[in-house]
Amino acid sequence: MESKIKLLIVEDEEPIRQGLVDVFTFHGYEVDAVDNGTDGLERAESGAFDLIVLDVMLPGMDGFSICNAIRSKSRDQLVIMLTAKTSEEDIITGLKLGADDYVAKPFSVQELVLRVQAVLRRSKKLETRDSELIVGNGIKIDTRNLIGTDSAGSEIPFTRREVDLLSYLWANRERPVTRDELLAEVWGYKRGAHIETRTVDIHIAKLRRKIEDNPKEPSYLVTIRGEGYKLLPPVGDQ
């Protein structure tokens, strides 16, 4: 018998927390839930959960701090952040800390269920990707362990989403890839959903700082005006 997918809900508002537990249990998940940041971090660091649904505003420790602590130990842990703050700055903060996705309050429960399913589905699909990816100025990325090594032997950490994005661009390197396609294929959004999010732009900017000699004038992860993004071959393969 296949084991159930395990979710951790970290949410201090009791009606929301209990509602999410009930809904995800109904959908066949094994669900644990806590109402504060301190307990949330302790549970998250156990490594027992496939995905963590993490509120930003929490007593004890806020969601941003928890996400940062999780990423310092595991770049592979799936995290979706819930935020009542709809400002672009807060959304950017969560994504920079390595959240796989975010959902702004108020949200429909069905929307969150779909987001969780999309993140899990995308994660499972990419388990079959190549174990090594070479980008930029010869940076070799271990896609399983999410560690890159530059020509000097220095290690560069990557998040799962960054590797997913690079892998998809590399697999489609013969053409520019549009922002909407990336949202659908890498983030799992429904095609044509017209999602208002800067998540693609933020991740592109983060990657350029890691793989480009000059992020402000990229040579490998380039923008094709009016068409999308394209990942050019590394040095020696062009």
Protein backbone atom coordinates (compact mmCIF):
# COMPACT_ATOMS: atom_id res chain seq x y z
CA MET A 1 0.00 0.00 0.00
CA GLU A 2 1.39 3.37 -1.03
CA SER A 3 2.15 5.65 1.92
CA LYS A 4 0.23 8.89 2.23
CA ILE A 5 1.80 12.23 1.41
CA LYS A 6 2.54 14.06 4.67
CA LEU A 7 1.70 17.75 5.09
CA LEU A 8 2.53 20.14 7.92
CA ILE A 9 0.20 23.13 8.41
CA VAL A 10 1.69 26.02 10.41
CA GLU A 11 -1.17 28.48 10.98
CA ASP A 12 -2.17 30.34 14.15
CA GLU A 13 -5.80 31.11 13.21
CA GLU A 14 -7.73 28.11 14.55
CA PRO A 15 -10.64 28.16 12.05
CA ILE A 16 -8.24 28.30 9.10
CA ARG A 17 -5.91 25.70 10.57
CA GLN A 18 -8.66 23.21 11.37
CA GLY A 19 -10.36 23.84 8.04
CA LEU A 20 -7.14 23.06 6.17
CA VAL A 21 -6.55 19.92 8.23
CA ASP A 22 -10.06 18.70 7.41
CA VAL A 23 -9.82 19.51 3.70
CA PHE A 24 -6.39 17.94 3.12
CA THR A 25 -7.32 14.89 5.19
CA PHE A 26 -10.40 14.52 2.99
CA HIS A 27 -8.12 14.64 -0.07
CA GLY A 28 -6.09 11.72 1.25
CA TYR A 29 -3.12 13.44 2.87
CA GLU A 30 -1.67 12.71 6.29
CA VAL A 31 -1.80 16.07 8.06
CA ASP A 32 -0.13 17.50 11.15
CA ALA A 33 -0.75 21.07 12.32
CA VAL A 34 0.67 23.56 14.83
CA ASP A 35 -0.39 27.06 15.85
CA ASN A 36 2.93 28.85 16.42
CA GLY A 37 6.28 29.42 14.76
CA THR A 38 8.46 27.79 17.42
CA ASP A 39 6.66 24.45 17.21
CA GLY A 40 6.39 24.85 13.45
CA LEU A 41 10.15 25.07 13.03
CA GLU A 42 10.74 22.10 15.33
CA ARG A 43 8.32 19.94 13.34
CA ALA A 44 9.63 21.20 10.00
CA GLU A 45 13.22 20.37 10.89
CA SER A 46 12.24 16.77 11.62
CA GLY A 47 12.24 16.12 7.87
CA ALA A 48 9.06 14.07 8.22
CA PHE A 49 6.92 16.09 5.79
CA ASP A 50 6.65 16.12 2.02
CA LEU A 51 5.35 19.70 2.00
CA ILE A 52 4.89 22.49 4.55
CA VAL A 53 2.09 25.06 4.34
CA LEU A 54 3.51 27.99 6.28
CA ASP A 55 1.74 31.17 7.38
CA VAL A 56 3.84 34.34 7.49
CA MET A 57 2.36 36.02 10.57
CA LEU A 58 2.87 33.65 13.51
CA PRO A 59 3.47 33.95 17.25
CA GLY A 60 6.89 32.87 18.45
CA MET A 61 8.65 33.04 15.09
CA ASP A 62 7.40 34.43 11.80
CA GLY A 63 7.12 32.39 8.63
CA PHE A 64 9.99 34.19 6.90
CA SER A 65 12.38 33.20 9.71
CA ILE A 66 11.12 29.62 9.63
CA CYS A 67 11.54 29.39 5.85
CA ASN A 68 15.05 30.79 6.13
CA ALA A 69 15.93 28.24 8.83
CA ILE A 70 14.48 25.40 6.76
CA ARG A 71 16.48 26.43 3.69
CA SER A 72 19.70 26.66 5.69
CA LYS A 73 19.37 22.92 6.33
CA SER A 74 17.37 21.63 3.35
CA ARG A 75 17.05 23.19 -0.08
CA ASP A 76 14.84 20.27 -1.08
CA GLN A 77 11.97 20.75 1.39
CA LEU A 78 8.79 21.90 -0.34
CA VAL A 79 7.27 25.05 1.20
CA ILE A 80 4.16 27.03 0.30
CA MET A 81 3.72 30.29 2.19
CA LEU A 82 0.40 31.84 3.18
CA THR A 83 0.42 35.58 3.55
CA ALA A 84 -2.16 38.16 4.52
CA LYS A 85 0.33 40.72 3.31
CA THR A 86 -0.25 41.33 -0.36
CA SER A 87 2.54 43.85 -0.84
CA GLU A 88 5.08 42.97 -3.49
CA GLU A 89 7.90 43.38 -0.98
CA ASP A 90 6.59 40.61 1.28
CA ILE A 91 5.99 38.27 -1.64
CA ILE A 92 9.50 38.91 -2.96
CA THR A 93 10.92 38.25 0.52
CA GLY A 94 9.26 34.85 0.68
CA LEU A 95 10.44 33.85 -2.76
CA LYS A 96 13.98 35.05 -2.11
CA LEU A 97 14.06 32.86 0.99
CA GLY A 98 13.28 29.87 -1.21
CA ALA A 99 9.55 29.29 -0.86
CA ASP A 100 8.26 27.09 -3.69
CA ASP A 101 5.06 29.10 -3.98
CA TYR A 102 2.87 31.54 -2.07
CA VAL A 103 -0.87 32.04 -1.71
CA ALA A 104 -2.27 35.36 -0.52
CA LYS A 105 -5.09 35.54 2.02
CA PRO A 106 -8.00 35.50 1.66
CA PHE A 107 -7.81 32.42 -0.58
CA SER A 108 -10.21 29.70 -1.62
CA VAL A 109 -9.43 26.32 -0.09
CA GLN A 110 -9.69 24.75 -3.53
CA GLU A 111 -7.03 27.14 -4.83
CA LEU A 112 -4.63 26.07 -2.08
CA VAL A 113 -5.36 22.39 -2.73
CA LEU A 114 -4.55 22.91 -6.41
CA ARG A 115 -1.32 24.74 -5.55
CA VAL A 116 -0.23 21.93 -3.21
CA GLN A 117 -1.02 19.32 -5.87
CA ALA A 118 0.87 21.30 -8.51
CA VAL A 119 4.02 21.68 -6.37
CA LEU A 120 4.00 17.99 -5.44
CA ARG A 121 3.32 16.91 -9.03
CA ARG A 122 6.11 19.07 -10.41
CA SER A 123 8.50 17.78 -7.75
CA LYS A 124 7.76 14.15 -8.60
CA LYS A 125 8.05 14.76 -12.34
CA LEU A 126 11.49 16.28 -11.97
CA GLU A 127 12.88 13.32 -10.02
CA THR A 128 13.76 11.84 -13.42
CA ARG A 129 15.81 14.81 -14.63
CA ASP A 130 19.52 14.51 -15.45
CA SER A 131 21.75 14.29 -12.38
CA GLU A 132 24.13 16.99 -13.63
CA LEU A 133 23.57 20.28 -15.39
CA ILE A 134 26.34 22.56 -16.69
CA VAL A 135 25.50 26.24 -17.05
CA GLY A 136 27.12 29.64 -17.30
CA ASN A 137 30.90 29.77 -17.15
CA GLY A 138 31.23 26.01 -16.61
CA ILE A 139 29.24 25.76 -13.35
CA LYS A 140 28.39 22.11 -12.70
CA ILE A 141 25.16 21.57 -10.76
CA ASP A 142 24.38 18.34 -8.93
CA THR A 143 20.62 18.45 -9.51
CA ARG A 144 19.91 15.81 -6.87
CA ASN A 145 21.75 17.54 -4.04
CA LEU A 146 21.19 21.09 -5.38
CA ILE A 147 24.86 22.08 -5.20
CA GLY A 148 26.80 23.83 -7.95
CA THR A 149 30.58 23.96 -8.30
CA ASP A 150 32.37 26.68 -10.24
CA SER A 151 35.67 26.41 -12.10
CA ALA A 152 37.59 27.33 -8.93
CA GLY A 153 35.94 24.52 -6.97
CA SER A 154 33.76 26.83 -4.87
CA GLU A 155 30.30 25.54 -4.01
CA ILE A 156 27.14 27.45 -4.96
CA PRO A 157 23.86 26.43 -3.30
CA PHE A 158 20.69 26.29 -5.39
CA THR A 159 17.07 25.82 -4.40
CA ARG A 160 14.91 23.11 -5.92
CA ARG A 161 12.93 25.71 -7.84
CA GLU A 162 16.08 27.30 -9.29
CA VAL A 163 17.26 23.92 -10.54
CA ASP A 164 13.79 23.16 -11.91
CA LEU A 165 13.85 26.44 -13.81
CA LEU A 166 17.34 25.94 -15.23
CA SER A 167 16.54 22.34 -16.18
CA TYR A 168 13.43 23.36 -18.09
CA LEU A 169 15.20 26.20 -19.89
CA TRP A 170 18.06 23.86 -20.82
CA ALA A 171 15.69 21.19 -22.10
CA ASN A 172 14.14 23.87 -24.35
CA ARG A 173 17.35 25.75 -25.13
CA GLU A 174 16.68 25.87 -28.88
CA ARG A 175 14.05 28.57 -28.34
CA PRO A 176 12.99 31.36 -25.98
CA VAL A 177 10.55 30.24 -23.28
CA THR A 178 7.77 32.60 -22.32
CA ARG A 179 6.97 33.65 -18.78
CA ASP A 180 3.52 32.03 -19.02
CA GLU A 181 5.05 28.72 -20.13
CA LEU A 182 7.45 28.78 -17.20
CA LEU A 183 4.58 29.46 -14.79
CA ALA A 184 2.73 26.47 -16.24
CA GLU A 185 5.59 23.99 -16.60
CA VAL A 186 7.85 24.89 -13.68
CA TRP A 187 5.36 26.29 -11.16
CA GLY A 188 2.37 24.22 -12.21
CA TYR A 189 -0.06 27.07 -12.81
CA LYS A 190 -2.88 26.37 -15.24
CA ARG A 191 -2.02 27.64 -18.72
CA GLY A 192 -3.84 30.83 -19.62
CA ALA A 193 -4.61 31.60 -15.97
CA HIS A 194 -3.14 35.12 -16.31
CA ILE A 195 -1.45 34.90 -12.91
CA GLU A 196 -0.22 38.24 -11.57
CA THR A 197 3.11 37.30 -10.03
CA ARG A 198 6.74 38.35 -10.31
CA THR A 199 8.02 34.96 -9.22
CA VAL A 200 9.61 34.19 -12.62
CA ASP A 201 11.41 37.55 -12.76
CA ILE A 202 12.65 37.17 -9.18
CA HIS A 203 14.01 33.68 -9.82
CA ILE A 204 15.68 34.75 -13.06
CA ALA A 205 17.41 37.60 -11.22
CA LYS A 206 18.56 35.23 -8.44
CA LEU A 207 19.96 32.77 -10.98
CA ARG A 208 21.83 35.45 -12.87
CA ARG A 209 23.61 36.42 -9.67
CA LYS A 210 24.75 32.80 -9.34
CA ILE A 211 25.72 31.82 -12.89
CA GLU A 212 26.64 35.07 -14.63
CA ASP A 213 29.98 36.89 -14.51
CA ASN A 214 28.02 40.15 -14.76
CA PRO A 215 24.37 39.70 -13.73
CA LYS A 216 23.44 43.13 -15.06
CA GLU A 217 24.67 42.16 -18.53
CA PRO A 218 23.89 38.43 -18.73
CA SER A 219 25.67 36.26 -21.29
CA TYR A 220 23.99 32.91 -20.61
CA LEU A 221 20.52 33.44 -19.10
CA VAL A 222 19.29 36.07 -21.51
CA THR A 223 16.04 37.88 -22.20
CA ILE A 224 14.76 37.78 -25.77
CA ARG A 225 12.64 40.90 -25.94
CA GLY A 226 9.00 40.15 -26.57
CA GLU A 227 9.59 36.38 -26.56
CA GLY A 228 10.86 35.22 -23.17
CA TYR A 229 13.99 33.77 -21.60
CA LYS A 230 16.66 31.60 -23.14
CA LEU A 231 19.52 29.63 -21.58
CA LEU A 232 22.58 29.67 -23.81
CA PRO A 233 25.21 26.89 -23.78
CA PRO A 234 28.09 27.16 -21.32
CA VAL A 235 31.61 28.17 -22.27
CA GLY A 236 33.16 25.68 -24.71
CA ASP A 237 29.82 24.45 -26.03
CA GLN A 238 28.81 27.53 -27.94
